[in-house]
Amino acid sequence: MEYVLTMILCAYVEGKTTCMPPHKFDEIYVDGYSCMLDGYTKSFDKIVELGRDDVNKFNIYIKFGCNENIADKTTTSSKPIESEI
């Protein structure tokens, strides 16, 4: 099964949480484990990039998830129905 990583960057300011739209990475992972490890690494890197001052000032946090890659899968409703005659 293949996995994709999706991240959401959020801030908590003046009692209100605001999140950016989800960002889906192009990488495809062979398993959930490798996807999760990369999610933590990418989250860490982004927090470092933003810097201590902005992270603390805007209470920035990152949520991420690893989900099954369904981009190339066909739904059952779009498959032709074969009738038995």
N, C-alpha and C. Protein backbone atom coordinates (compact mmCIF):
# COMPACT_ATOMS: atom_id res chain seq x y z
N MET A 1 0.84 -1.17 0.00
CA MET A 1 0.00 0.00 0.00
C MET A 1 0.89 1.24 0.00
N GLU A 2 0.53 2.25 -0.77
CA GLU A 2 1.28 3.49 -0.84
C GLU A 2 0.60 4.56 0.02
N TYR A 3 1.41 5.49 0.53
CA TYR A 3 0.91 6.56 1.40
C TYR A 3 1.35 7.92 0.90
N VAL A 4 0.53 8.93 1.21
CA VAL A 4 0.87 10.32 0.92
C VAL A 4 0.82 11.11 2.23
N LEU A 5 1.65 12.14 2.29
CA LEU A 5 1.75 12.99 3.47
C LEU A 5 1.01 14.30 3.23
N THR A 6 0.16 14.67 4.18
CA THR A 6 -0.56 15.93 4.11
C THR A 6 -0.31 16.69 5.41
N MET A 7 0.02 17.99 5.28
CA MET A 7 0.30 18.82 6.46
C MET A 7 -0.61 20.03 6.49
N ILE A 8 -0.92 20.47 7.71
CA ILE A 8 -1.72 21.67 7.92
C ILE A 8 -1.00 22.53 8.94
N LEU A 9 -0.74 23.79 8.60
CA LEU A 9 -0.09 24.75 9.47
C LEU A 9 -1.17 25.62 10.11
N CYS A 10 -1.17 25.68 11.44
CA CYS A 10 -2.18 26.42 12.18
C CYS A 10 -1.54 27.42 13.14
N ALA A 11 -2.32 28.44 13.49
CA ALA A 11 -1.90 29.43 14.50
C ALA A 11 -3.08 29.69 15.43
N TYR A 12 -2.76 29.95 16.69
CA TYR A 12 -3.78 30.24 17.69
C TYR A 12 -3.50 31.65 18.21
N VAL A 13 -4.31 32.61 17.75
CA VAL A 13 -4.11 34.01 18.10
C VAL A 13 -5.41 34.60 18.61
N GLU A 14 -5.32 35.30 19.74
CA GLU A 14 -6.47 35.97 20.35
C GLU A 14 -7.67 35.04 20.50
N GLY A 15 -7.41 33.83 20.95
CA GLY A 15 -8.48 32.87 21.22
C GLY A 15 -9.10 32.22 20.00
N LYS A 16 -8.48 32.40 18.84
CA LYS A 16 -9.03 31.84 17.61
C LYS A 16 -7.96 31.04 16.87
N THR A 17 -8.33 29.83 16.45
CA THR A 17 -7.43 29.00 15.66
C THR A 17 -7.69 29.25 14.18
N THR A 18 -6.63 29.49 13.45
CA THR A 18 -6.72 29.67 12.00
C THR A 18 -5.71 28.72 11.36
N CYS A 19 -6.17 27.98 10.37
CA CYS A 19 -5.29 27.02 9.69
C CYS A 19 -5.24 27.33 8.19
N MET A 20 -4.08 27.10 7.62
CA MET A 20 -3.92 27.22 6.18
C MET A 20 -4.54 25.99 5.53
N PRO A 21 -4.84 26.06 4.24
CA PRO A 21 -5.35 24.88 3.54
C PRO A 21 -4.32 23.74 3.61
N PRO A 22 -4.78 22.50 3.61
CA PRO A 22 -3.85 21.36 3.66
C PRO A 22 -2.88 21.37 2.48
N HIS A 23 -1.64 20.97 2.76
CA HIS A 23 -0.62 20.85 1.72
C HIS A 23 -0.28 19.37 1.56
N LYS A 24 -0.53 18.85 0.37
CA LYS A 24 -0.21 17.45 0.07
C LYS A 24 1.13 17.40 -0.65
N PHE A 25 2.05 16.63 -0.11
CA PHE A 25 3.38 16.49 -0.72
C PHE A 25 3.32 15.51 -1.89
N ASP A 26 4.22 15.69 -2.85
CA ASP A 26 4.26 14.83 -4.04
C ASP A 26 4.85 13.46 -3.79
N GLU A 27 5.67 13.34 -2.74
CA GLU A 27 6.32 12.06 -2.46
C GLU A 27 5.29 10.97 -2.18
N ILE A 28 5.61 9.78 -2.63
CA ILE A 28 4.80 8.59 -2.34
C ILE A 28 5.64 7.70 -1.44
N TYR A 29 5.04 7.23 -0.35
CA TYR A 29 5.75 6.42 0.64
C TYR A 29 5.28 4.97 0.53
N VAL A 30 6.22 4.06 0.74
CA VAL A 30 5.91 2.63 0.61
C VAL A 30 5.15 2.08 1.81
N ASP A 31 5.22 2.80 2.94
CA ASP A 31 4.48 2.35 4.12
C ASP A 31 4.22 3.54 5.05
N GLY A 32 3.33 3.31 6.01
CA GLY A 32 2.97 4.34 6.95
C GLY A 32 4.13 4.79 7.82
N TYR A 33 5.01 3.88 8.15
CA TYR A 33 6.16 4.18 9.00
C TYR A 33 7.05 5.25 8.37
N SER A 34 7.45 5.03 7.11
CA SER A 34 8.33 6.00 6.45
C SER A 34 7.63 7.34 6.23
N CYS A 35 6.35 7.30 5.99
CA CYS A 35 5.58 8.54 5.84
C CYS A 35 5.54 9.32 7.16
N MET A 36 5.30 8.62 8.25
CA MET A 36 5.25 9.28 9.56
C MET A 36 6.61 9.88 9.93
N LEU A 37 7.68 9.15 9.70
CA LEU A 37 9.00 9.68 10.00
C LEU A 37 9.27 10.96 9.21
N ASP A 38 8.91 10.95 7.93
CA ASP A 38 9.13 12.13 7.11
C ASP A 38 8.21 13.28 7.54
N GLY A 39 7.01 12.95 8.00
CA GLY A 39 6.10 13.97 8.51
C GLY A 39 6.69 14.70 9.71
N TYR A 40 7.27 13.94 10.64
CA TYR A 40 7.91 14.57 11.80
C TYR A 40 9.12 15.41 11.37
N THR A 41 9.90 14.90 10.42
CA THR A 41 11.07 15.63 9.95
C THR A 41 10.65 16.93 9.26
N LYS A 42 9.67 16.85 8.36
CA LYS A 42 9.21 18.05 7.65
C LYS A 42 8.58 19.05 8.62
N SER A 43 7.85 18.57 9.62
CA SER A 43 7.27 19.47 10.63
C SER A 43 8.37 20.18 11.40
N PHE A 44 9.36 19.43 11.84
CA PHE A 44 10.50 19.99 12.56
C PHE A 44 11.18 21.07 11.72
N ASP A 45 11.47 20.73 10.45
CA ASP A 45 12.16 21.66 9.56
C ASP A 45 11.36 22.95 9.37
N LYS A 46 10.05 22.84 9.24
CA LYS A 46 9.21 24.02 9.04
C LYS A 46 9.18 24.90 10.28
N ILE A 47 9.10 24.29 11.45
CA ILE A 47 9.11 25.07 12.70
C ILE A 47 10.44 25.81 12.84
N VAL A 48 11.55 25.15 12.52
CA VAL A 48 12.86 25.79 12.57
C VAL A 48 12.93 26.93 11.56
N GLU A 49 12.40 26.70 10.36
CA GLU A 49 12.39 27.73 9.32
C GLU A 49 11.59 28.96 9.76
N LEU A 50 10.46 28.76 10.40
CA LEU A 50 9.62 29.87 10.86
C LEU A 50 10.29 30.66 11.97
N GLY A 51 11.03 29.95 12.81
CA GLY A 51 11.78 30.61 13.88
C GLY A 51 11.02 30.71 15.19
N ARG A 52 11.78 30.77 16.26
CA ARG A 52 11.25 30.81 17.62
C ARG A 52 10.29 31.98 17.83
N ASP A 53 10.67 33.17 17.35
CA ASP A 53 9.86 34.36 17.60
C ASP A 53 8.45 34.24 17.02
N ASP A 54 8.36 33.88 15.73
CA ASP A 54 7.04 33.76 15.10
C ASP A 54 6.24 32.59 15.65
N VAL A 55 6.90 31.46 15.90
CA VAL A 55 6.19 30.30 16.45
C VAL A 55 5.58 30.67 17.80
N ASN A 56 6.34 31.36 18.64
CA ASN A 56 5.83 31.75 19.95
C ASN A 56 4.80 32.88 19.86
N LYS A 57 5.06 33.86 19.01
CA LYS A 57 4.15 35.00 18.87
C LYS A 57 2.77 34.58 18.37
N PHE A 58 2.73 33.66 17.39
CA PHE A 58 1.47 33.26 16.78
C PHE A 58 1.00 31.88 17.23
N ASN A 59 1.69 31.28 18.21
CA ASN A 59 1.33 29.94 18.70
C ASN A 59 1.13 28.97 17.53
N ILE A 60 2.12 28.90 16.67
CA ILE A 60 2.04 28.07 15.47
C ILE A 60 2.25 26.60 15.82
N TYR A 61 1.44 25.77 15.20
CA TYR A 61 1.62 24.33 15.33
C TYR A 61 1.29 23.67 14.00
N ILE A 62 1.77 22.45 13.83
CA ILE A 62 1.60 21.72 12.58
C ILE A 62 0.91 20.40 12.87
N LYS A 63 -0.09 20.11 12.05
CA LYS A 63 -0.76 18.80 12.08
C LYS A 63 -0.41 18.10 10.78
N PHE A 64 -0.22 16.79 10.84
CA PHE A 64 0.02 16.05 9.61
C PHE A 64 -0.58 14.66 9.71
N GLY A 65 -0.80 14.08 8.55
CA GLY A 65 -1.33 12.73 8.51
C GLY A 65 -0.80 11.98 7.30
N CYS A 66 -0.76 10.68 7.43
CA CYS A 66 -0.35 9.80 6.34
C CYS A 66 -1.56 8.96 5.95
N ASN A 67 -1.98 9.12 4.72
CA ASN A 67 -3.17 8.43 4.25
C ASN A 67 -2.86 7.59 3.02
N GLU A 68 -3.67 6.58 2.82
CA GLU A 68 -3.50 5.72 1.67
C GLU A 68 -3.62 6.55 0.40
N ASN A 69 -2.73 6.31 -0.55
CA ASN A 69 -2.75 7.01 -1.83
C ASN A 69 -3.86 6.42 -2.69
N ILE A 70 -4.90 7.19 -2.90
CA ILE A 70 -6.03 6.69 -3.71
C ILE A 70 -6.09 7.38 -5.07
N ALA A 71 -5.05 8.13 -5.42
CA ALA A 71 -5.04 8.90 -6.67
C ALA A 71 -5.18 8.02 -7.90
N ASP A 72 -4.61 6.85 -7.89
CA ASP A 72 -4.65 5.99 -9.07
C ASP A 72 -5.65 4.85 -8.96
N LYS A 73 -6.49 4.91 -7.95
CA LYS A 73 -7.45 3.82 -7.76
C LYS A 73 -8.78 4.18 -8.43
N THR A 74 -9.46 3.16 -8.89
CA THR A 74 -10.77 3.34 -9.51
C THR A 74 -11.84 3.00 -8.49
N THR A 75 -12.84 3.85 -8.39
CA THR A 75 -13.92 3.56 -7.46
C THR A 75 -14.78 2.44 -8.01
N THR A 76 -15.44 1.75 -7.13
CA THR A 76 -16.28 0.63 -7.57
C THR A 76 -17.45 1.10 -8.40
N SER A 77 -17.92 2.32 -8.18
CA SER A 77 -19.07 2.81 -8.94
C SER A 77 -18.72 3.13 -10.39
N SER A 78 -17.44 3.28 -10.71
CA SER A 78 -17.06 3.59 -12.09
C SER A 78 -16.64 2.36 -12.87
N LYS A 79 -16.65 1.21 -12.23
CA LYS A 79 -16.31 -0.02 -12.93
C LYS A 79 -17.56 -0.54 -13.65
N PRO A 80 -17.38 -1.05 -14.84
CA PRO A 80 -18.54 -1.58 -15.58
C PRO A 80 -19.15 -2.79 -14.86
N ILE A 81 -20.45 -2.87 -14.94
CA ILE A 81 -21.15 -3.99 -14.32
C ILE A 81 -21.30 -5.07 -15.37
N GLU A 82 -20.84 -6.25 -15.01
CA GLU A 82 -20.95 -7.38 -15.92
C GLU A 82 -22.18 -8.17 -15.55
N SER A 83 -23.08 -8.33 -16.50
CA SER A 83 -24.29 -9.10 -16.20
C SER A 83 -24.10 -10.53 -16.67
N GLU A 84 -24.66 -11.42 -15.92
CA GLU A 84 -24.57 -12.84 -16.28
C GLU A 84 -25.83 -13.21 -17.04
N ILE A 85 -25.66 -13.72 -18.24
CA ILE A 85 -26.81 -14.10 -19.08
C ILE A 85 -26.72 -15.56 -19.39
